[in-house]
Amino acid sequence: MSTDGQVSCPYCESKFKDKNELSKHIDRIHSDSGLLEGDKRQW
């Protein structure tokens, strides 16, 4: 999941500099789509 110090979104493969940025992206972009429903993984 991480490449060259970056983390990738598991839903759209966007790249982020750290897990905090990834978490913000998922909350903003993917949380309303239902993709995270029932997913209890921690980023």
Protein backbone atom coordinates (compact mmCIF):
# COMPACT_ATOMS: atom_id res chain seq x y z
CA MET A 1 0.00 0.00 0.00
CA SER A 2 2.85 2.44 0.47
CA THR A 3 5.30 3.42 -2.23
CA ASP A 4 8.15 5.90 -1.88
CA GLY A 5 6.83 7.18 1.45
CA GLN A 6 3.31 7.53 0.10
CA VAL A 7 0.08 5.71 0.87
CA SER A 8 -2.53 4.77 -1.72
CA CYS A 9 -6.28 4.94 -1.34
CA PRO A 10 -7.66 1.38 -1.41
CA TYR A 11 -10.74 2.63 -3.28
CA CYS A 12 -9.35 4.82 -6.05
CA GLU A 13 -5.53 4.44 -5.88
CA SER A 14 -4.97 8.15 -5.25
CA LYS A 15 -1.62 8.78 -3.55
CA PHE A 16 -1.07 10.69 -0.32
CA LYS A 17 1.96 11.67 1.71
CA ASP A 18 0.72 10.04 4.93
CA LYS A 19 -2.14 8.13 6.53
CA ASN A 20 -3.65 11.31 7.95
CA GLU A 21 -4.08 12.78 4.46
CA LEU A 22 -5.45 9.44 3.23
CA SER A 23 -7.96 9.37 6.09
CA LYS A 24 -9.16 12.88 5.26
CA HIS A 25 -9.52 11.90 1.60
CA ILE A 26 -11.56 8.79 2.44
CA ASP A 27 -13.82 10.74 4.81
CA ARG A 28 -14.35 13.47 2.23
CA ILE A 29 -14.61 11.43 -0.98
CA HIS A 30 -15.61 7.88 -0.12
CA SER A 31 -17.58 7.98 3.15
CA ASP A 32 -20.85 9.01 1.46
CA SER A 33 -20.56 6.35 -1.24
CA GLY A 34 -21.18 3.45 1.14
CA LEU A 35 -17.81 1.86 0.39
CA LEU A 36 -16.73 2.04 4.02
CA GLU A 37 -19.91 0.60 5.49
CA GLY A 38 -18.91 -2.24 7.78
CA ASP A 39 -15.20 -1.67 7.19
CA LYS A 40 -13.51 -1.37 10.58
CA ARG A 41 -9.89 -1.16 9.39
CA GLN A 42 -7.77 1.62 10.87
CA TRP A 43 -5.64 3.75 8.54
